[in-house]
Amino acid sequence: ATGGEGKHSSCGTYFNANTKDFPSVPYSAWDFNDGKCSTGS
């Protein structure tokens, strides 16, 4: 989750871990489990 934003990946693909944006798949914030997790962290 703290992976940051940019192209520091093995193919040079853009992503933004802060906003859960992985356009090369694509995945967005809708595709993650945050809403189901019950812990504070």
ModelCIF file with pLDDT and N, C-alpha, C, O atoms, coordinates in Angstrom:
data_MODEL
#
_entry.id   MODEL 
#
_entity.id                         1 
_entity.type                       polymer 
_entity.pdbx_number_of_molecules   1 
#
_entity_poly.entity_id                      1 
_entity_poly.type                           'polypeptide(L)' 
_entity_poly.nstd_linkage                   no 
_entity_poly.nstd_monomer                   no 
_entity_poly.pdbx_seq_one_letter_code       ATGGEGKHSSCGTYFNANTKDFPSVPYSAWDFNDGKCSTGS 
_entity_poly.pdbx_seq_one_letter_code_can   ATGGEGKHSSCGTYFNANTKDFPSVPYSAWDFNDGKCSTGS 
_entity_poly.pdbx_strand_id                 A 
#
loop_
_entity_poly_seq.entity_id 
_entity_poly_seq.num 
_entity_poly_seq.mon_id 
_entity_poly_seq.hetero 
1 1  ALA n 
1 2  THR n 
1 3  GLY n 
1 4  GLY n 
1 5  GLU n 
1 6  GLY n 
1 7  LYS n 
1 8  HIS n 
1 9  SER n 
1 10 SER n 
1 11 CYS n 
1 12 GLY n 
1 13 THR n 
1 14 TYR n 
1 15 PHE n 
1 16 ASN n 
1 17 ALA n 
1 18 ASN n 
1 19 THR n 
1 20 LYS n 
1 21 ASP n 
1 22 PHE n 
1 23 PRO n 
1 24 SER n 
1 25 VAL n 
1 26 PRO n 
1 27 TYR n 
1 28 SER n 
1 29 ALA n 
1 30 TRP n 
1 31 ASP n 
1 32 PHE n 
1 33 ASN n 
1 34 ASP n 
1 35 GLY n 
1 36 LYS n 
1 37 CYS n 
1 38 SER n 
1 39 THR n 
1 40 GLY n 
1 41 SER n 
#
_struct_asym.id          A 
_struct_asym.entity_id   1 
#
loop_
_ma_qa_metric.id 
_ma_qa_metric.mode 
_ma_qa_metric.name 
_ma_qa_metric.software_group_id 
_ma_qa_metric.type 
1 global pLDDT . pLDDT 
2 local  pLDDT . pLDDT 
#
_ma_qa_metric_global.metric_id      1 
_ma_qa_metric_global.metric_value   94.71 
_ma_qa_metric_global.model_id       1 
_ma_qa_metric_global.ordinal_id     1 
#
loop_
_ma_qa_metric_local.label_asym_id 
_ma_qa_metric_local.label_comp_id 
_ma_qa_metric_local.label_seq_id 
_ma_qa_metric_local.metric_id 
_ma_qa_metric_local.metric_value 
_ma_qa_metric_local.model_id 
_ma_qa_metric_local.ordinal_id 
A ALA 1  2 94.00 1 1  
A THR 2  2 90.00 1 2  
A GLY 3  2 88.00 1 3  
A GLY 4  2 89.00 1 4  
A GLU 5  2 90.00 1 5  
A GLY 6  2 89.00 1 6  
A LYS 7  2 88.00 1 7  
A HIS 8  2 90.00 1 8  
A SER 9  2 95.00 1 9  
A SER 10 2 96.00 1 10 
A CYS 11 2 94.00 1 11 
A GLY 12 2 95.00 1 12 
A THR 13 2 96.00 1 13 
A TYR 14 2 97.00 1 14 
A PHE 15 2 97.00 1 15 
A ASN 16 2 97.00 1 16 
A ALA 17 2 97.00 1 17 
A ASN 18 2 96.00 1 18 
A THR 19 2 96.00 1 19 
A LYS 20 2 97.00 1 20 
A ASP 21 2 97.00 1 21 
A PHE 22 2 98.00 1 22 
A PRO 23 2 97.00 1 23 
A SER 24 2 97.00 1 24 
A VAL 25 2 98.00 1 25 
A PRO 26 2 98.00 1 26 
A TYR 27 2 98.00 1 27 
A SER 28 2 98.00 1 28 
A ALA 29 2 97.00 1 29 
A TRP 30 2 97.00 1 30 
A ASP 31 2 98.00 1 31 
A PHE 32 2 98.00 1 32 
A ASN 33 2 96.00 1 33 
A ASP 34 2 90.00 1 34 
A GLY 35 2 90.00 1 35 
A LYS 36 2 94.00 1 36 
A CYS 37 2 95.00 1 37 
A SER 38 2 92.00 1 38 
A THR 39 2 95.00 1 39 
A GLY 40 2 94.00 1 40 
A SER 41 2 95.00 1 41 
#
loop_
_atom_site.group_PDB 
_atom_site.id 
_atom_site.type_symbol 
_atom_site.label_atom_id 
_atom_site.label_alt_id 
_atom_site.label_comp_id 
_atom_site.label_asym_id 
_atom_site.label_entity_id 
_atom_site.label_seq_id 
_atom_site.pdbx_PDB_ins_code 
_atom_site.Cartn_x 
_atom_site.Cartn_y 
_atom_site.Cartn_z 
_atom_site.occupancy 
_atom_site.B_iso_or_equiv 
_atom_site.pdbx_formal_charge 
_atom_site.auth_seq_id 
_atom_site.auth_comp_id 
_atom_site.auth_asym_id 
_atom_site.auth_atom_id 
_atom_site.pdbx_PDB_model_num 
ATOM 1   N N  . ALA A 1 1  ? 0.824   -1.213 0.000   1.00 94.00 ? 1  ALA A N  1 
ATOM 2   C CA . ALA A 1 1  ? 0.000   0.000  0.000   1.00 94.00 ? 1  ALA A CA 1 
ATOM 3   C C  . ALA A 1 1  ? 0.856   1.260  0.000   1.00 94.00 ? 1  ALA A C  1 
ATOM 4   O O  . ALA A 1 1  ? 0.380   2.331  -0.376  1.00 94.00 ? 1  ALA A O  1 
ATOM 5   N N  . THR A 1 2  ? 2.114   1.143  0.418   1.00 90.00 ? 2  THR A N  1 
ATOM 6   C CA . THR A 1 2  ? 3.026   2.299  0.423   1.00 90.00 ? 2  THR A CA 1 
ATOM 7   C C  . THR A 1 2  ? 3.977   2.251  -0.767  1.00 90.00 ? 2  THR A C  1 
ATOM 8   O O  . THR A 1 2  ? 5.040   2.872  -0.748  1.00 90.00 ? 2  THR A O  1 
ATOM 9   N N  . GLY A 1 3  ? 3.582   1.499  -1.814  1.00 88.00 ? 3  GLY A N  1 
ATOM 10  C CA . GLY A 1 3  ? 4.447   1.340  -2.987  1.00 88.00 ? 3  GLY A CA 1 
ATOM 11  C C  . GLY A 1 3  ? 4.616   2.587  -3.820  1.00 88.00 ? 3  GLY A C  1 
ATOM 12  O O  . GLY A 1 3  ? 5.465   2.627  -4.710  1.00 88.00 ? 3  GLY A O  1 
ATOM 13  N N  . GLY A 1 4  ? 3.818   3.614  -3.546  1.00 89.00 ? 4  GLY A N  1 
ATOM 14  C CA . GLY A 1 4  ? 3.995   4.891  -4.217  1.00 89.00 ? 4  GLY A CA 1 
ATOM 15  C C  . GLY A 1 4  ? 3.379   4.949  -5.598  1.00 89.00 ? 4  GLY A C  1 
ATOM 16  O O  . GLY A 1 4  ? 2.479   4.179  -5.936  1.00 89.00 ? 4  GLY A O  1 
ATOM 17  N N  . GLU A 1 5  ? 3.889   5.889  -6.395  1.00 90.00 ? 5  GLU A N  1 
ATOM 18  C CA . GLU A 1 5  ? 3.343   6.163  -7.726  1.00 90.00 ? 5  GLU A CA 1 
ATOM 19  C C  . GLU A 1 5  ? 4.503   6.294  -8.688  1.00 90.00 ? 5  GLU A C  1 
ATOM 20  O O  . GLU A 1 5  ? 5.567   6.797  -8.327  1.00 90.00 ? 5  GLU A O  1 
ATOM 21  N N  . GLY A 1 6  ? 4.298   5.839  -9.922  1.00 89.00 ? 6  GLY A N  1 
ATOM 22  C CA . GLY A 1 6  ? 5.343   6.046  -10.912 1.00 89.00 ? 6  GLY A CA 1 
ATOM 23  C C  . GLY A 1 6  ? 5.535   4.851  -11.809 1.00 89.00 ? 6  GLY A C  1 
ATOM 24  O O  . GLY A 1 6  ? 4.596   4.101  -12.075 1.00 89.00 ? 6  GLY A O  1 
ATOM 25  N N  . LYS A 1 7  ? 6.778   4.673  -12.283 1.00 88.00 ? 7  LYS A N  1 
ATOM 26  C CA . LYS A 1 7  ? 7.091   3.599  -13.218 1.00 88.00 ? 7  LYS A CA 1 
ATOM 27  C C  . LYS A 1 7  ? 8.220   2.718  -12.700 1.00 88.00 ? 7  LYS A C  1 
ATOM 28  O O  . LYS A 1 7  ? 8.914   2.073  -13.486 1.00 88.00 ? 7  LYS A O  1 
ATOM 29  N N  . HIS A 1 8  ? 8.407   2.686  -11.383 1.00 90.00 ? 8  HIS A N  1 
ATOM 30  C CA . HIS A 1 8  ? 9.474   1.848  -10.831 1.00 90.00 ? 8  HIS A CA 1 
ATOM 31  C C  . HIS A 1 8  ? 8.982   0.401  -10.745 1.00 90.00 ? 8  HIS A C  1 
ATOM 32  O O  . HIS A 1 8  ? 8.748   -0.150 -9.669  1.00 90.00 ? 8  HIS A O  1 
ATOM 33  N N  . SER A 1 9  ? 8.839   -0.185 -11.948 1.00 95.00 ? 9  SER A N  1 
ATOM 34  C CA . SER A 1 9  ? 8.397   -1.570 -12.067 1.00 95.00 ? 9  SER A CA 1 
ATOM 35  C C  . SER A 1 9  ? 9.235   -2.243 -13.148 1.00 95.00 ? 9  SER A C  1 
ATOM 36  O O  . SER A 1 9  ? 9.916   -1.576 -13.926 1.00 95.00 ? 9  SER A O  1 
ATOM 37  N N  . SER A 1 10 ? 9.177   -3.565 -13.186 1.00 96.00 ? 10 SER A N  1 
ATOM 38  C CA . SER A 1 10 ? 10.095  -4.320 -14.046 1.00 96.00 ? 10 SER A CA 1 
ATOM 39  C C  . SER A 1 10 ? 9.830   -4.126 -15.534 1.00 96.00 ? 10 SER A C  1 
ATOM 40  O O  . SER A 1 10 ? 10.716  -4.385 -16.348 1.00 96.00 ? 10 SER A O  1 
ATOM 41  N N  . CYS A 1 11 ? 8.623   -3.674 -15.913 1.00 94.00 ? 11 CYS A N  1 
ATOM 42  C CA . CYS A 1 11 ? 8.337   -3.370 -17.326 1.00 94.00 ? 11 CYS A CA 1 
ATOM 43  C C  . CYS A 1 11 ? 8.268   -1.871 -17.564 1.00 94.00 ? 11 CYS A C  1 
ATOM 44  O O  . CYS A 1 11 ? 8.135   -1.437 -18.708 1.00 94.00 ? 11 CYS A O  1 
ATOM 45  N N  . GLY A 1 12 ? 8.357   -1.070 -16.503 1.00 95.00 ? 12 GLY A N  1 
ATOM 46  C CA . GLY A 1 12 ? 8.215   0.369  -16.651 1.00 95.00 ? 12 GLY A CA 1 
ATOM 47  C C  . GLY A 1 12 ? 6.781   0.839  -16.737 1.00 95.00 ? 12 GLY A C  1 
ATOM 48  O O  . GLY A 1 12 ? 6.524   1.963  -17.169 1.00 95.00 ? 12 GLY A O  1 
ATOM 49  N N  . THR A 1 13 ? 5.834   -0.007 -16.331 1.00 96.00 ? 13 THR A N  1 
ATOM 50  C CA . THR A 1 13 ? 4.414   0.342  -16.395 1.00 96.00 ? 13 THR A CA 1 
ATOM 51  C C  . THR A 1 13 ? 4.048   1.325  -15.277 1.00 96.00 ? 13 THR A C  1 
ATOM 52  O O  . THR A 1 13 ? 4.525   1.205  -14.149 1.00 96.00 ? 13 THR A O  1 
ATOM 53  N N  . TYR A 1 14 ? 3.205   2.286  -15.606 1.00 97.00 ? 14 TYR A N  1 
ATOM 54  C CA . TYR A 1 14 ? 2.719   3.241  -14.599 1.00 97.00 ? 14 TYR A CA 1 
ATOM 55  C C  . TYR A 1 14 ? 1.755   2.544  -13.638 1.00 97.00 ? 14 TYR A C  1 
ATOM 56  O O  . TYR A 1 14 ? 0.964   1.695  -14.050 1.00 97.00 ? 14 TYR A O  1 
ATOM 57  N N  . PHE A 1 15 ? 1.827   2.909  -12.353 1.00 97.00 ? 15 PHE A N  1 
ATOM 58  C CA . PHE A 1 15 ? 0.850   2.465  -11.356 1.00 97.00 ? 15 PHE A CA 1 
ATOM 59  C C  . PHE A 1 15 ? 0.823   3.494  -10.237 1.00 97.00 ? 15 PHE A C  1 
ATOM 60  O O  . PHE A 1 15 ? 1.735   4.312  -10.113 1.00 97.00 ? 15 PHE A O  1 
ATOM 61  N N  . ASN A 1 16 ? -0.223  3.449  -9.427  1.00 97.00 ? 16 ASN A N  1 
ATOM 62  C CA . ASN A 1 16 ? -0.317  4.318  -8.262  1.00 97.00 ? 16 ASN A CA 1 
ATOM 63  C C  . ASN A 1 16 ? -0.899  3.510  -7.111  1.00 97.00 ? 16 ASN A C  1 
ATOM 64  O O  . ASN A 1 16 ? -2.114  3.329  -7.023  1.00 97.00 ? 16 ASN A O  1 
ATOM 65  N N  . ALA A 1 17 ? -0.025  3.021  -6.223  1.00 97.00 ? 17 ALA A N  1 
ATOM 66  C CA . ALA A 1 17 ? -0.480  2.209  -5.095  1.00 97.00 ? 17 ALA A CA 1 
ATOM 67  C C  . ALA A 1 17 ? -1.320  3.031  -4.125  1.00 97.00 ? 17 ALA A C  1 
ATOM 68  O O  . ALA A 1 17 ? -2.195  2.487  -3.452  1.00 97.00 ? 17 ALA A O  1 
ATOM 69  N N  . ASN A 1 18 ? -1.061  4.349  -4.046  1.00 96.00 ? 18 ASN A N  1 
ATOM 70  C CA . ASN A 1 18 ? -1.793  5.201  -3.109  1.00 96.00 ? 18 ASN A CA 1 
ATOM 71  C C  . ASN A 1 18 ? -3.282  5.248  -3.452  1.00 96.00 ? 18 ASN A C  1 
ATOM 72  O O  . ASN A 1 18 ? -4.131  5.293  -2.562  1.00 96.00 ? 18 ASN A O  1 
ATOM 73  N N  . THR A 1 19 ? -3.592  5.237  -4.754  1.00 96.00 ? 19 THR A N  1 
ATOM 74  C CA . THR A 1 19 ? -4.992  5.292  -5.181  1.00 96.00 ? 19 THR A CA 1 
ATOM 75  C C  . THR A 1 19 ? -5.492  3.932  -5.688  1.00 96.00 ? 19 THR A C  1 
ATOM 76  O O  . THR A 1 19 ? -6.614  3.817  -6.182  1.00 96.00 ? 19 THR A O  1 
ATOM 77  N N  . LYS A 1 20 ? -4.637  2.900  -5.557  1.00 97.00 ? 20 LYS A N  1 
ATOM 78  C CA . LYS A 1 20 ? -4.966  1.529  -5.997  1.00 97.00 ? 20 LYS A CA 1 
ATOM 79  C C  . LYS A 1 20 ? -5.277  1.503  -7.502  1.00 97.00 ? 20 LYS A C  1 
ATOM 80  O O  . LYS A 1 20 ? -6.230  0.862  -7.946  1.00 97.00 ? 20 LYS A O  1 
ATOM 81  N N  . ASP A 1 21 ? -4.472  2.196  -8.243  1.00 97.00 ? 21 ASP A N  1 
ATOM 82  C CA . ASP A 1 21 ? -4.669  2.287  -9.690  1.00 97.00 ? 21 ASP A CA 1 
ATOM 83  C C  . ASP A 1 21 ? -3.574  1.486  -10.405 1.00 97.00 ? 21 ASP A C  1 
ATOM 84  O O  . ASP A 1 21 ? -2.397  1.841  -10.354 1.00 97.00 ? 21 ASP A O  1 
ATOM 85  N N  . PHE A 1 22 ? -3.981  0.411  -11.066 1.00 98.00 ? 22 PHE A N  1 
ATOM 86  C CA . PHE A 1 22 ? -3.045  -0.440 -11.806 1.00 98.00 ? 22 PHE A CA 1 
ATOM 87  C C  . PHE A 1 22 ? -3.581  -0.576 -13.234 1.00 98.00 ? 22 PHE A C  1 
ATOM 88  O O  . PHE A 1 22 ? -4.172  -1.599 -13.579 1.00 98.00 ? 22 PHE A O  1 
ATOM 89  N N  . PRO A 1 23 ? -3.373  0.464  -14.074 1.00 97.00 ? 23 PRO A N  1 
ATOM 90  C CA . PRO A 1 23 ? -4.050  0.541  -15.368 1.00 97.00 ? 23 PRO A CA 1 
ATOM 91  C C  . PRO A 1 23 ? -3.653  -0.557 -16.354 1.00 97.00 ? 23 PRO A C  1 
ATOM 92  O O  . PRO A 1 23 ? -4.384  -0.805 -17.313 1.00 97.00 ? 23 PRO A O  1 
ATOM 93  N N  . SER A 1 24 ? -2.526  -1.213 -16.144 1.00 97.00 ? 24 SER A N  1 
ATOM 94  C CA . SER A 1 24 ? -2.106  -2.231 -17.108 1.00 97.00 ? 24 SER A CA 1 
ATOM 95  C C  . SER A 1 24 ? -2.900  -3.518 -16.963 1.00 97.00 ? 24 SER A C  1 
ATOM 96  O O  . SER A 1 24 ? -2.860  -4.364 -17.856 1.00 97.00 ? 24 SER A O  1 
ATOM 97  N N  . VAL A 1 25 ? -3.644  -3.694 -15.824 1.00 98.00 ? 25 VAL A N  1 
ATOM 98  C CA . VAL A 1 25 ? -4.452  -4.921 -15.702 1.00 98.00 ? 25 VAL A CA 1 
ATOM 99  C C  . VAL A 1 25 ? -5.777  -4.804 -16.477 1.00 98.00 ? 25 VAL A C  1 
ATOM 100 O O  . VAL A 1 25 ? -6.007  -5.644 -17.347 1.00 98.00 ? 25 VAL A O  1 
ATOM 101 N N  . PRO A 1 26 ? -6.677  -3.813 -16.222 1.00 98.00 ? 26 PRO A N  1 
ATOM 102 C CA . PRO A 1 26 ? -6.594  -2.776 -15.188 1.00 98.00 ? 26 PRO A CA 1 
ATOM 103 C C  . PRO A 1 26 ? -7.343  -3.174 -13.904 1.00 98.00 ? 26 PRO A C  1 
ATOM 104 O O  . PRO A 1 26 ? -8.366  -3.859 -13.934 1.00 98.00 ? 26 PRO A O  1 
ATOM 105 N N  . TYR A 1 27 ? -6.777  -2.706 -12.764 1.00 98.00 ? 27 TYR A N  1 
ATOM 106 C CA . TYR A 1 27 ? -7.468  -2.752 -11.473 1.00 98.00 ? 27 TYR A CA 1 
ATOM 107 C C  . TYR A 1 27 ? -7.593  -1.324 -10.960 1.00 98.00 ? 27 TYR A C  1 
ATOM 108 O O  . TYR A 1 27 ? -6.735  -0.473 -11.193 1.00 98.00 ? 27 TYR A O  1 
ATOM 109 N N  . SER A 1 28 ? -8.704  -1.095 -10.247 1.00 98.00 ? 28 SER A N  1 
ATOM 110 C CA . SER A 1 28 ? -8.908  0.203  -9.595  1.00 98.00 ? 28 SER A CA 1 
ATOM 111 C C  . SER A 1 28 ? -9.268  -0.050 -8.134  1.00 98.00 ? 28 SER A C  1 
ATOM 112 O O  . SER A 1 28 ? -9.282  -1.194 -7.680  1.00 98.00 ? 28 SER A O  1 
ATOM 113 N N  . ALA A 1 29 ? -9.557  1.013  -7.412  1.00 97.00 ? 29 ALA A N  1 
ATOM 114 C CA . ALA A 1 29 ? -9.897  0.890  -5.986  1.00 97.00 ? 29 ALA A CA 1 
ATOM 115 C C  . ALA A 1 29 ? -11.086 -0.029 -5.751  1.00 97.00 ? 29 ALA A C  1 
ATOM 116 O O  . ALA A 1 29 ? -11.239 -0.576 -4.658  1.00 97.00 ? 29 ALA A O  1 
ATOM 117 N N  . TRP A 1 30 ? -11.945 -0.208 -6.780  1.00 97.00 ? 30 TRP A N  1 
ATOM 118 C CA . TRP A 1 30 ? -13.111 -1.079 -6.631  1.00 97.00 ? 30 TRP A CA 1 
ATOM 119 C C  . TRP A 1 30 ? -12.723 -2.554 -6.499  1.00 97.00 ? 30 TRP A C  1 
ATOM 120 O O  . TRP A 1 30 ? -13.535 -3.369 -6.060  1.00 97.00 ? 30 TRP A O  1 
ATOM 121 N N  . ASP A 1 31 ? -11.514 -2.896 -6.868  1.00 98.00 ? 31 ASP A N  1 
ATOM 122 C CA . ASP A 1 31 ? -11.123 -4.304 -6.983  1.00 98.00 ? 31 ASP A CA 1 
ATOM 123 C C  . ASP A 1 31 ? -10.346 -4.822 -5.777  1.00 98.00 ? 31 ASP A C  1 
ATOM 124 O O  . ASP A 1 31 ? -9.732  -5.887 -5.837  1.00 98.00 ? 31 ASP A O  1 
ATOM 125 N N  . PHE A 1 32 ? -10.377 -4.060 -4.676  1.00 98.00 ? 32 PHE A N  1 
ATOM 126 C CA . PHE A 1 32 ? -9.628  -4.455 -3.489  1.00 98.00 ? 32 PHE A CA 1 
ATOM 127 C C  . PHE A 1 32 ? -10.548 -4.613 -2.283  1.00 98.00 ? 32 PHE A C  1 
ATOM 128 O O  . PHE A 1 32 ? -11.679 -4.128 -2.282  1.00 98.00 ? 32 PHE A O  1 
ATOM 129 N N  . ASN A 1 33 ? -10.055 -5.288 -1.274  1.00 96.00 ? 33 ASN A N  1 
ATOM 130 C CA . ASN A 1 33 ? -10.879 -5.751 -0.157  1.00 96.00 ? 33 ASN A CA 1 
ATOM 131 C C  . ASN A 1 33 ? -11.006 -4.765 0.993   1.00 96.00 ? 33 ASN A C  1 
ATOM 132 O O  . ASN A 1 33 ? -11.576 -5.116 2.027   1.00 96.00 ? 33 ASN A O  1 
ATOM 133 N N  . ASP A 1 34 ? -10.502 -3.555 0.854   1.00 90.00 ? 34 ASP A N  1 
ATOM 134 C CA . ASP A 1 34 ? -10.429 -2.660 2.012   1.00 90.00 ? 34 ASP A CA 1 
ATOM 135 C C  . ASP A 1 34 ? -11.760 -2.532 2.758   1.00 90.00 ? 34 ASP A C  1 
ATOM 136 O O  . ASP A 1 34 ? -11.776 -2.477 3.988   1.00 90.00 ? 34 ASP A O  1 
ATOM 137 N N  . GLY A 1 35 ? -12.857 -2.486 2.032   1.00 90.00 ? 35 GLY A N  1 
ATOM 138 C CA . GLY A 1 35 ? -14.155 -2.311 2.679   1.00 90.00 ? 35 GLY A CA 1 
ATOM 139 C C  . GLY A 1 35 ? -14.570 -3.501 3.524   1.00 90.00 ? 35 GLY A C  1 
ATOM 140 O O  . GLY A 1 35 ? -15.379 -3.351 4.440   1.00 90.00 ? 35 GLY A O  1 
ATOM 141 N N  . LYS A 1 36 ? -14.034 -4.682 3.238   1.00 94.00 ? 36 LYS A N  1 
ATOM 142 C CA . LYS A 1 36 ? -14.410 -5.875 3.990   1.00 94.00 ? 36 LYS A CA 1 
ATOM 143 C C  . LYS A 1 36 ? -13.581 -6.073 5.241   1.00 94.00 ? 36 LYS A C  1 
ATOM 144 O O  . LYS A 1 36 ? -13.999 -6.780 6.158   1.00 94.00 ? 36 LYS A O  1 
ATOM 145 N N  . CYS A 1 37 ? -12.401 -5.453 5.292   1.00 95.00 ? 37 CYS A N  1 
ATOM 146 C CA . CYS A 1 37 ? -11.499 -5.676 6.424   1.00 95.00 ? 37 CYS A CA 1 
ATOM 147 C C  . CYS A 1 37 ? -11.976 -4.922 7.656   1.00 95.00 ? 37 CYS A C  1 
ATOM 148 O O  . CYS A 1 37 ? -12.330 -3.746 7.579   1.00 95.00 ? 37 CYS A O  1 
ATOM 149 N N  . SER A 1 38 ? -11.981 -5.608 8.789   1.00 92.00 ? 38 SER A N  1 
ATOM 150 C CA . SER A 1 38 ? -12.548 -5.033 10.017  1.00 92.00 ? 38 SER A CA 1 
ATOM 151 C C  . SER A 1 38 ? -11.497 -4.417 10.931  1.00 92.00 ? 38 SER A C  1 
ATOM 152 O O  . SER A 1 38 ? -11.854 -3.866 11.972  1.00 92.00 ? 38 SER A O  1 
ATOM 153 N N  . THR A 1 39 ? -10.201 -4.489 10.577  1.00 95.00 ? 39 THR A N  1 
ATOM 154 C CA . THR A 1 39 ? -9.176  -3.975 11.489  1.00 95.00 ? 39 THR A CA 1 
ATOM 155 C C  . THR A 1 39 ? -8.925  -2.498 11.254  1.00 95.00 ? 39 THR A C  1 
ATOM 156 O O  . THR A 1 39 ? -9.148  -1.989 10.156  1.00 95.00 ? 39 THR A O  1 
ATOM 157 N N  . GLY A 1 40 ? -8.463  -1.818 12.280  1.00 94.00 ? 40 GLY A N  1 
ATOM 158 C CA . GLY A 1 40 ? -8.183  -0.392 12.174  1.00 94.00 ? 40 GLY A CA 1 
ATOM 159 C C  . GLY A 1 40 ? -7.054  -0.087 11.209  1.00 94.00 ? 40 GLY A C  1 
ATOM 160 O O  . GLY A 1 40 ? -7.076  0.932  10.518  1.00 94.00 ? 40 GLY A O  1 
ATOM 161 N N  . SER A 1 41 ? -6.063  -0.973 11.162  1.00 95.00 ? 41 SER A N  1 
ATOM 162 C CA . SER A 1 41 ? -4.889  -0.739 10.318  1.00 95.00 ? 41 SER A CA 1 
ATOM 163 C C  . SER A 1 41 ? -5.108  -1.154 8.871   1.00 95.00 ? 41 SER A C  1 
ATOM 164 O O  . SER A 1 41 ? -4.206  -1.015 8.045   1.00 95.00 ? 41 SER A O  1 
#
